[in-house]
Amino acid sequence: MVDAYAQDNFSDVNFKTRDLEEKQRIQKDRIMILEKNLIELKEKFSHENLELKKELLISKQNIEKLTRFLETASEEMEKFARKEDLEILTKQAKMFQPLDFVRREELVKLKKK
């Protein structure tokens, strides 16, 4: 009777041990899957982060180019004449009319005639 009781306890312990081993194996598999997923996510985010850094660098360079262009254009615009200044010069040119002027030599010739 003691042998039957011991054997029942032994088989019960074996069953529980196998059950615990199976649970441990399942948890180990789950942990391995989680580790694999974490590694994949880390690589994905690292790649995306690198791409974002590249895009940010390109954007910074473009902004710097635009800033330099605007500064240059601003400096050049200061050299341009204003509309009012051009109108004044146009009026002066119309008043001057160099074709109506006579050279001294021509006047001398006209006097001699």
N, C-alpha and C. Protein backbone atom coordinates (compact mmCIF):
# COMPACT_ATOMS: atom_id res chain seq x y z
N MET A 1 0.80 -1.17 0.00
CA MET A 1 0.00 0.00 0.00
C MET A 1 0.87 1.26 0.00
N VAL A 2 1.94 1.22 0.75
CA VAL A 2 2.85 2.35 0.77
C VAL A 2 3.46 2.52 -0.62
N ASP A 3 3.72 1.41 -1.28
CA ASP A 3 4.29 1.50 -2.62
C ASP A 3 3.31 2.14 -3.59
N ALA A 4 2.06 1.82 -3.50
CA ALA A 4 1.05 2.40 -4.39
C ALA A 4 0.93 3.90 -4.11
N TYR A 5 0.93 4.24 -2.81
CA TYR A 5 0.83 5.65 -2.43
C TYR A 5 2.05 6.42 -2.91
N ALA A 6 3.24 5.82 -2.75
CA ALA A 6 4.49 6.46 -3.17
C ALA A 6 4.52 6.58 -4.68
N GLN A 7 4.03 5.54 -5.34
CA GLN A 7 4.03 5.58 -6.81
C GLN A 7 3.05 6.64 -7.30
N ASP A 8 1.90 6.77 -6.66
CA ASP A 8 0.94 7.81 -7.04
C ASP A 8 1.57 9.20 -6.84
N ASN A 9 2.22 9.38 -5.68
CA ASN A 9 2.88 10.65 -5.42
C ASN A 9 4.01 10.93 -6.42
N PHE A 10 4.76 9.85 -6.73
CA PHE A 10 5.85 9.99 -7.67
C PHE A 10 5.33 10.35 -9.07
N SER A 11 4.27 9.68 -9.51
CA SER A 11 3.70 9.98 -10.83
C SER A 11 3.08 11.38 -10.81
N ASP A 12 2.49 11.76 -9.66
CA ASP A 12 1.92 13.10 -9.54
C ASP A 12 3.04 14.16 -9.62
N VAL A 13 4.18 13.88 -8.95
CA VAL A 13 5.32 14.79 -9.01
C VAL A 13 5.88 14.84 -10.43
N ASN A 14 5.96 13.71 -11.09
CA ASN A 14 6.43 13.67 -12.48
C ASN A 14 5.51 14.49 -13.40
N PHE A 15 4.21 14.32 -13.20
CA PHE A 15 3.24 15.06 -14.00
C PHE A 15 3.39 16.56 -13.78
N LYS A 16 3.51 16.97 -12.52
CA LYS A 16 3.67 18.39 -12.19
C LYS A 16 4.99 18.92 -12.73
N THR A 17 6.05 18.11 -12.66
CA THR A 17 7.34 18.52 -13.17
C THR A 17 7.27 18.72 -14.69
N ARG A 18 6.64 17.79 -15.39
CA ARG A 18 6.49 17.92 -16.84
C ARG A 18 5.65 19.16 -17.18
N ASP A 19 4.60 19.36 -16.38
CA ASP A 19 3.75 20.52 -16.60
C ASP A 19 4.54 21.82 -16.42
N LEU A 20 5.33 21.88 -15.35
CA LEU A 20 6.17 23.05 -15.11
C LEU A 20 7.22 23.22 -16.21
N GLU A 21 7.81 22.13 -16.66
CA GLU A 21 8.79 22.20 -17.74
C GLU A 21 8.15 22.71 -19.03
N GLU A 22 6.94 22.26 -19.30
CA GLU A 22 6.23 22.70 -20.50
C GLU A 22 5.91 24.19 -20.41
N LYS A 23 5.45 24.63 -19.25
CA LYS A 23 5.16 26.05 -19.05
C LYS A 23 6.44 26.88 -19.20
N GLN A 24 7.54 26.37 -18.66
CA GLN A 24 8.81 27.08 -18.77
C GLN A 24 9.27 27.17 -20.23
N ARG A 25 9.07 26.06 -20.98
CA ARG A 25 9.44 26.05 -22.40
C ARG A 25 8.60 27.06 -23.18
N ILE A 26 7.30 27.10 -22.88
CA ILE A 26 6.40 28.05 -23.55
C ILE A 26 6.82 29.49 -23.23
N GLN A 27 7.13 29.76 -21.97
CA GLN A 27 7.57 31.10 -21.59
C GLN A 27 8.90 31.45 -22.26
N LYS A 28 9.78 30.49 -22.36
CA LYS A 28 11.07 30.72 -23.03
C LYS A 28 10.84 31.06 -24.50
N ASP A 29 9.92 30.33 -25.15
CA ASP A 29 9.60 30.62 -26.55
C ASP A 29 9.01 32.03 -26.70
N ARG A 30 8.12 32.38 -25.78
CA ARG A 30 7.51 33.71 -25.82
C ARG A 30 8.57 34.80 -25.64
N ILE A 31 9.48 34.59 -24.71
CA ILE A 31 10.56 35.55 -24.47
C ILE A 31 11.44 35.69 -25.70
N MET A 32 11.72 34.58 -26.36
CA MET A 32 12.54 34.63 -27.57
C MET A 32 11.82 35.40 -28.68
N ILE A 33 10.50 35.20 -28.80
CA ILE A 33 9.72 35.94 -29.80
C ILE A 33 9.73 37.43 -29.46
N LEU A 34 9.56 37.75 -28.18
CA LEU A 34 9.59 39.15 -27.75
C LEU A 34 10.95 39.79 -28.05
N GLU A 35 12.02 39.06 -27.76
CA GLU A 35 13.36 39.58 -28.03
C GLU A 35 13.55 39.83 -29.52
N LYS A 36 13.08 38.88 -30.32
CA LYS A 36 13.19 39.04 -31.78
C LYS A 36 12.41 40.27 -32.24
N ASN A 37 11.20 40.43 -31.73
CA ASN A 37 10.38 41.59 -32.10
C ASN A 37 11.04 42.90 -31.65
N LEU A 38 11.61 42.90 -30.45
CA LEU A 38 12.28 44.09 -29.96
C LEU A 38 13.49 44.46 -30.83
N ILE A 39 14.24 43.47 -31.22
CA ILE A 39 15.40 43.71 -32.08
C ILE A 39 14.95 44.28 -33.42
N GLU A 40 13.88 43.70 -34.00
CA GLU A 40 13.37 44.20 -35.28
C GLU A 40 12.87 45.63 -35.15
N LEU A 41 12.16 45.91 -34.07
CA LEU A 41 11.67 47.28 -33.84
C LEU A 41 12.82 48.27 -33.67
N LYS A 42 13.84 47.83 -32.94
CA LYS A 42 14.99 48.71 -32.73
C LYS A 42 15.67 49.02 -34.06
N GLU A 43 15.84 48.01 -34.90
CA GLU A 43 16.46 48.23 -36.21
C GLU A 43 15.60 49.14 -37.08
N LYS A 44 14.29 48.90 -37.04
CA LYS A 44 13.37 49.73 -37.83
C LYS A 44 13.43 51.19 -37.38
N PHE A 45 13.37 51.42 -36.08
CA PHE A 45 13.41 52.79 -35.57
C PHE A 45 14.77 53.44 -35.80
N SER A 46 15.81 52.65 -35.72
CA SER A 46 17.15 53.21 -36.00
C SER A 46 17.24 53.65 -37.45
N HIS A 47 16.71 52.83 -38.35
CA HIS A 47 16.72 53.17 -39.77
C HIS A 47 15.87 54.42 -40.03
N GLU A 48 14.69 54.47 -39.44
CA GLU A 48 13.82 55.64 -39.60
C GLU A 48 14.47 56.89 -39.02
N ASN A 49 15.11 56.73 -37.88
CA ASN A 49 15.80 57.86 -37.24
C ASN A 49 16.92 58.38 -38.14
N LEU A 50 17.66 57.48 -38.74
CA LEU A 50 18.74 57.87 -39.64
C LEU A 50 18.18 58.61 -40.86
N GLU A 51 17.07 58.12 -41.41
CA GLU A 51 16.44 58.78 -42.55
C GLU A 51 15.96 60.18 -42.16
N LEU A 52 15.37 60.30 -40.99
CA LEU A 52 14.90 61.61 -40.53
C LEU A 52 16.07 62.58 -40.33
N LYS A 53 17.18 62.07 -39.82
CA LYS A 53 18.36 62.93 -39.64
C LYS A 53 18.87 63.41 -40.99
N LYS A 54 18.87 62.52 -41.99
CA LYS A 54 19.32 62.91 -43.34
C LYS A 54 18.40 63.99 -43.91
N GLU A 55 17.09 63.76 -43.77
CA GLU A 55 16.12 64.75 -44.29
C GLU A 55 16.28 66.08 -43.57
N LEU A 56 16.51 66.04 -42.27
CA LEU A 56 16.69 67.26 -41.51
C LEU A 56 17.94 68.01 -41.96
N LEU A 57 19.01 67.28 -42.21
CA LEU A 57 20.25 67.89 -42.69
C LEU A 57 20.03 68.55 -44.05
N ILE A 58 19.34 67.84 -44.94
CA ILE A 58 19.06 68.39 -46.27
C ILE A 58 18.20 69.64 -46.14
N SER A 59 17.20 69.59 -45.26
CA SER A 59 16.33 70.76 -45.06
C SER A 59 17.13 71.94 -44.51
N LYS A 60 18.03 71.68 -43.58
CA LYS A 60 18.88 72.76 -43.04
C LYS A 60 19.72 73.37 -44.14
N GLN A 61 20.30 72.53 -44.99
CA GLN A 61 21.14 73.04 -46.08
C GLN A 61 20.30 73.89 -47.05
N ASN A 62 19.09 73.43 -47.35
CA ASN A 62 18.22 74.18 -48.24
C ASN A 62 17.85 75.53 -47.63
N ILE A 63 17.57 75.54 -46.34
CA ILE A 63 17.23 76.79 -45.66
C ILE A 63 18.41 77.74 -45.69
N GLU A 64 19.62 77.21 -45.47
CA GLU A 64 20.82 78.06 -45.53
C GLU A 64 21.01 78.64 -46.92
N LYS A 65 20.78 77.83 -47.96
CA LYS A 65 20.91 78.32 -49.33
C LYS A 65 19.88 79.42 -49.60
N LEU A 66 18.65 79.19 -49.17
CA LEU A 66 17.60 80.19 -49.36
C LEU A 66 17.93 81.48 -48.61
N THR A 67 18.47 81.35 -47.41
CA THR A 67 18.84 82.53 -46.63
C THR A 67 19.92 83.32 -47.34
N ARG A 68 20.95 82.62 -47.83
CA ARG A 68 22.02 83.31 -48.56
C ARG A 68 21.47 84.00 -49.82
N PHE A 69 20.58 83.29 -50.53
CA PHE A 69 20.00 83.87 -51.74
C PHE A 69 19.20 85.12 -51.41
N LEU A 70 18.40 85.05 -50.36
CA LEU A 70 17.59 86.21 -49.98
C LEU A 70 18.46 87.38 -49.54
N GLU A 71 19.53 87.09 -48.83
CA GLU A 71 20.45 88.16 -48.43
C GLU A 71 21.08 88.81 -49.65
N THR A 72 21.51 87.99 -50.60
CA THR A 72 22.11 88.52 -51.82
C THR A 72 21.09 89.34 -52.62
N ALA A 73 19.90 88.79 -52.75
CA ALA A 73 18.85 89.50 -53.48
C ALA A 73 18.51 90.81 -52.79
N SER A 74 18.48 90.79 -51.47
CA SER A 74 18.18 92.00 -50.72
C SER A 74 19.25 93.06 -50.94
N GLU A 75 20.50 92.64 -50.94
CA GLU A 75 21.60 93.58 -51.19
C GLU A 75 21.52 94.14 -52.60
N GLU A 76 21.18 93.31 -53.57
CA GLU A 76 21.08 93.76 -54.96
C GLU A 76 19.90 94.71 -55.15
N MET A 77 18.82 94.48 -54.44
CA MET A 77 17.64 95.33 -54.60
C MET A 77 17.92 96.75 -54.14
N GLU A 78 18.82 96.90 -53.18
CA GLU A 78 19.18 98.23 -52.73
C GLU A 78 19.85 99.03 -53.84
N LYS A 79 20.49 98.34 -54.76
CA LYS A 79 21.19 99.00 -55.86
C LYS A 79 20.25 99.42 -56.99
N PHE A 80 19.05 98.86 -57.02
CA PHE A 80 18.09 99.19 -58.08
C PHE A 80 17.52 100.58 -57.85
N ALA A 81 17.14 101.23 -58.96
CA ALA A 81 16.50 102.54 -58.87
C ALA A 81 15.01 102.36 -58.57
N ARG A 82 14.48 103.32 -57.83
CA ARG A 82 13.06 103.28 -57.54
C ARG A 82 12.29 103.80 -58.74
N LYS A 83 11.02 103.50 -58.78
CA LYS A 83 10.18 103.92 -59.88
C LYS A 83 10.16 105.43 -60.01
N GLU A 84 10.08 106.10 -58.88
CA GLU A 84 10.04 107.56 -58.89
C GLU A 84 11.33 108.13 -59.49
N ASP A 85 12.47 107.52 -59.11
CA ASP A 85 13.76 107.98 -59.65
C ASP A 85 13.80 107.80 -61.16
N LEU A 86 13.29 106.70 -61.66
CA LEU A 86 13.28 106.46 -63.10
C LEU A 86 12.37 107.45 -63.81
N GLU A 87 11.26 107.78 -63.21
CA GLU A 87 10.35 108.76 -63.83
C GLU A 87 11.04 110.12 -63.93
N ILE A 88 11.75 110.52 -62.88
CA ILE A 88 12.47 111.80 -62.90
C ILE A 88 13.53 111.80 -63.99
N LEU A 89 14.28 110.70 -64.09
CA LEU A 89 15.32 110.62 -65.13
C LEU A 89 14.70 110.64 -66.52
N THR A 90 13.55 110.02 -66.68
CA THR A 90 12.88 110.00 -67.98
C THR A 90 12.45 111.42 -68.37
N LYS A 91 11.89 112.14 -67.40
CA LYS A 91 11.48 113.53 -67.67
C LYS A 91 12.68 114.38 -68.03
N GLN A 92 13.78 114.22 -67.33
CA GLN A 92 14.99 115.00 -67.61
C GLN A 92 15.52 114.68 -69.01
N ALA A 93 15.49 113.39 -69.38
CA ALA A 93 15.98 113.00 -70.71
C ALA A 93 15.10 113.61 -71.79
N LYS A 94 13.78 113.66 -71.55
CA LYS A 94 12.88 114.25 -72.53
C LYS A 94 13.14 115.75 -72.66
N MET A 95 13.42 116.39 -71.55
CA MET A 95 13.70 117.83 -71.57
C MET A 95 15.04 118.11 -72.26
N PHE A 96 15.99 117.26 -72.08
CA PHE A 96 17.33 117.47 -72.61
C PHE A 96 17.35 117.36 -74.13
N GLN A 97 16.79 116.36 -74.71
CA GLN A 97 16.72 116.09 -76.14
C GLN A 97 18.01 116.47 -76.86
N PRO A 98 18.99 115.63 -76.75
CA PRO A 98 20.30 115.94 -77.32
C PRO A 98 20.31 116.11 -78.83
N LEU A 99 19.32 115.62 -79.51
CA LEU A 99 19.29 115.76 -80.97
C LEU A 99 19.00 117.21 -81.38
N ASP A 100 18.42 117.97 -80.48
CA ASP A 100 18.11 119.37 -80.79
C ASP A 100 19.33 120.27 -80.59
N PHE A 101 20.38 119.81 -79.95
CA PHE A 101 21.57 120.62 -79.72
C PHE A 101 22.44 120.67 -80.96
N VAL A 102 23.18 121.74 -81.05
CA VAL A 102 24.05 121.94 -82.20
C VAL A 102 25.48 122.02 -81.69
N ARG A 103 26.38 121.47 -82.47
CA ARG A 103 27.79 121.55 -82.10
C ARG A 103 28.33 122.94 -82.46
N ARG A 104 29.42 123.31 -81.85
CA ARG A 104 30.05 124.61 -82.13
C ARG A 104 30.46 124.71 -83.58
N GLU A 105 30.98 123.63 -84.06
CA GLU A 105 31.43 123.63 -85.45
C GLU A 105 30.26 123.89 -86.40
N GLU A 106 29.11 123.29 -86.06
CA GLU A 106 27.95 123.49 -86.90
C GLU A 106 27.47 124.95 -86.82
N LEU A 107 27.59 125.55 -85.62
CA LEU A 107 27.20 126.95 -85.48
C LEU A 107 28.12 127.85 -86.31
N VAL A 108 29.39 127.54 -86.26
CA VAL A 108 30.35 128.33 -87.02
C VAL A 108 30.01 128.24 -88.50
N LYS A 109 29.69 127.06 -88.95
CA LYS A 109 29.35 126.87 -90.36
C LYS A 109 28.07 127.63 -90.70
N LEU A 110 27.12 127.60 -89.78
CA LEU A 110 25.86 128.30 -90.03
C LEU A 110 26.08 129.83 -90.08
N LYS A 111 26.99 130.35 -89.23
CA LYS A 111 27.30 131.77 -89.22
C LYS A 111 27.95 132.21 -90.54
N LYS A 112 28.80 131.35 -91.03
CA LYS A 112 29.51 131.68 -92.27
C LYS A 112 28.56 131.73 -93.45
N LYS A 113 27.52 131.05 -93.40
CA LYS A 113 26.59 131.03 -94.53
C LYS A 113 25.77 132.24 -94.51
